C-alpha atoms as a PDB file:
ATOM      1  CA  MET A   1       7.683-155.547-151.602  1.00  0.00           C
ATOM      2  CA  PRO A   2       6.674-152.181-150.210  1.00  0.00           C
ATOM      3  CA  PRO A   3       5.374-149.658-152.764  1.00  0.00           C
ATOM      4  CA  GLU A   4       8.174-147.252-151.799  1.00  0.00           C
ATOM      5  CA  THR A   5      10.818-149.807-152.755  1.00  0.00           C
ATOM      6  CA  PHE A   6       9.145-150.427-156.100  1.00  0.00           C
ATOM      7  CA  ALA A   7       8.873-146.678-156.777  1.00  0.00           C
ATOM      8  CA  ALA A   8      12.559-146.210-155.926  1.00  0.00           C
ATOM      9  CA  PHE A   9      13.449-149.111-158.234  1.00  0.00           C
ATOM     10  CA  LYS A  10      11.473-147.559-161.100  1.00  0.00           C
ATOM     11  CA  ALA A  11      13.186-144.191-160.519  1.00  0.00           C
ATOM     12  CA  ALA A  12      16.703-145.630-160.200  1.00  0.00           C
ATOM     13  CA  PHE A  13      19.156-144.763-162.958  1.00  0.00           C
ATOM     14  CA  ALA A  14      20.916-148.142-162.667  1.00  0.00           C
ATOM     15  CA  LYS A  15      18.073-150.592-162.117  1.00  0.00           C
ATOM     16  CA  GLY A  16      20.330-153.641-161.984  1.00  0.00           C
ATOM     17  CA  ARG A  17      22.494-152.056-159.307  1.00  0.00           C
ATOM     18  CA  TYR A  18      19.430-150.976-157.302  1.00  0.00           C
ATOM     19  CA  PHE A  19      17.913-154.436-157.631  1.00  0.00           C
ATOM     20  CA  ASN A  20      21.098-156.157-156.445  1.00  0.00           C
ATOM     21  CA  ASP A  21      21.625-153.750-153.547  1.00  0.00           C
ATOM     22  CA  HIS A  22      18.045-153.335-152.291  1.00  0.00           C
ATOM     23  CA  ILE A  23      15.811-156.125-153.585  1.00  0.00           C
ATOM     24  CA  ARG A  24      17.738-159.355-154.282  1.00  0.00           C
ATOM     25  CA  ASN A  25      17.762-161.603-151.188  1.00  0.00           C
ATOM     26  CA  HIS A  26      15.706-159.073-149.199  1.00  0.00           C
ATOM     27  CA  PHE A  27      12.213-160.395-149.958  1.00  0.00           C
ATOM     28  CA  ARG A  28      10.571-163.805-150.094  1.00  0.00           C
ATOM     29  CA  TYR A  29       9.236-164.864-153.461  1.00  0.00           C
ATOM     30  CA  ARG A  30       7.780-167.748-155.382  1.00  0.00           C
ATOM     31  CA  VAL A  31       7.811-168.403-159.102  1.00  0.00           C
ATOM     32  CA  ALA A  32       4.408-167.836-160.646  1.00  0.00           C
ATOM     33  CA  PRO A  33       3.267-170.233-163.382  1.00  0.00           C
ATOM     34  CA  THR A  34       3.174-168.868-166.898  1.00  0.00           C
ATOM     35  CA  TYR A  35       0.224-169.222-169.245  1.00  0.00           C
ATOM     36  CA  GLY A  36       2.149-171.970-171.081  1.00  0.00           C
ATOM     37  CA  ASP A  37       2.622-173.913-167.837  1.00  0.00           C
ATOM     38  CA  LEU A  38      -1.115-173.753-167.176  1.00  0.00           C
ATOM     39  CA  VAL A  39      -1.973-174.974-170.683  1.00  0.00           C
ATOM     40  CA  VAL A  40       0.464-177.905-170.417  1.00  0.00           C
ATOM     41  CA  ALA A  41      -0.914-178.870-167.004  1.00  0.00           C
ATOM     42  CA  ARG A  42      -4.478-178.761-168.336  1.00  0.00           C
ATOM     43  CA  VAL A  43      -3.595-180.945-171.348  1.00  0.00           C
ATOM     44  CA  ARG A  44      -1.745-183.454-169.151  1.00  0.00           C
ATOM     45  CA  ASN A  45      -4.674-183.590-166.753  1.00  0.00           C
ATOM     46  CA  ARG A  46      -7.099-184.173-169.617  1.00  0.00           C
ATOM     47  CA  GLN A  47      -4.886-186.926-171.079  1.00  0.00           C
ATOM     48  CA  SER A  48      -4.579-188.721-167.747  1.00  0.00           C
ATOM     49  CA  SER A  49      -8.348-188.622-167.215  1.00  0.00           C
ATOM     50  CA  LEU A  50      -8.904-189.995-170.730  1.00  0.00           C
ATOM     51  CA  THR A  51      -6.411-192.793-170.071  1.00  0.00           C
ATOM     52  CA  THR A  52      -8.178-193.647-166.812  1.00  0.00           C
ATOM     53  CA  ALA A  53     -11.568-193.670-168.546  1.00  0.00           C
ATOM     54  CA  ARG A  54     -10.241-195.949-171.302  1.00  0.00           C
ATOM     55  CA  SER A  55      -8.722-198.389-168.823  1.00  0.00           C
ATOM     56  CA  LEU A  56     -11.972-198.537-166.866  1.00  0.00           C
ATOM     57  CA  THR A  57     -14.045-199.302-169.962  1.00  0.00           C
ATOM     58  CA  ASN A  58     -11.526-201.827-171.324  1.00  0.00           C
ATOM     59  CA  ASP A  59     -11.418-203.754-168.052  1.00  0.00           C
ATOM     60  CA  HIS A  60     -15.109-204.641-168.271  1.00  0.00           C
ATOM     61  CA  GLN A  61     -15.362-205.777-171.876  1.00  0.00           C
ATOM     62  CA  PRO A  62     -15.574-209.481-172.697  1.00  0.00           C
ATOM     63  CA  PRO A  63     -12.566-210.939-174.552  1.00  0.00           C
ATOM     64  CA  LYS A  64     -12.776-210.849-178.349  1.00  0.00           C
ATOM     65  CA  ARG A  65     -13.401-214.129-180.143  1.00  0.00           C
ATOM     66  CA  ALA A  66     -11.583-215.122-183.280  1.00  0.00           C
END
């Protein structure tokens, strides 16, 4: 978004009206991840790597005897 558009948005009396008339559907965007999303992804990644490590070590152990 151009700086002029942002400045006009900040100065607008009715920000919702300005947003709907001048910003919504006028610019491309993407949703940025939140801090919580990053933490969840990191925990899931760590869990999957631990599961992979466990399966690799369990595959090469001899069977237990009674």
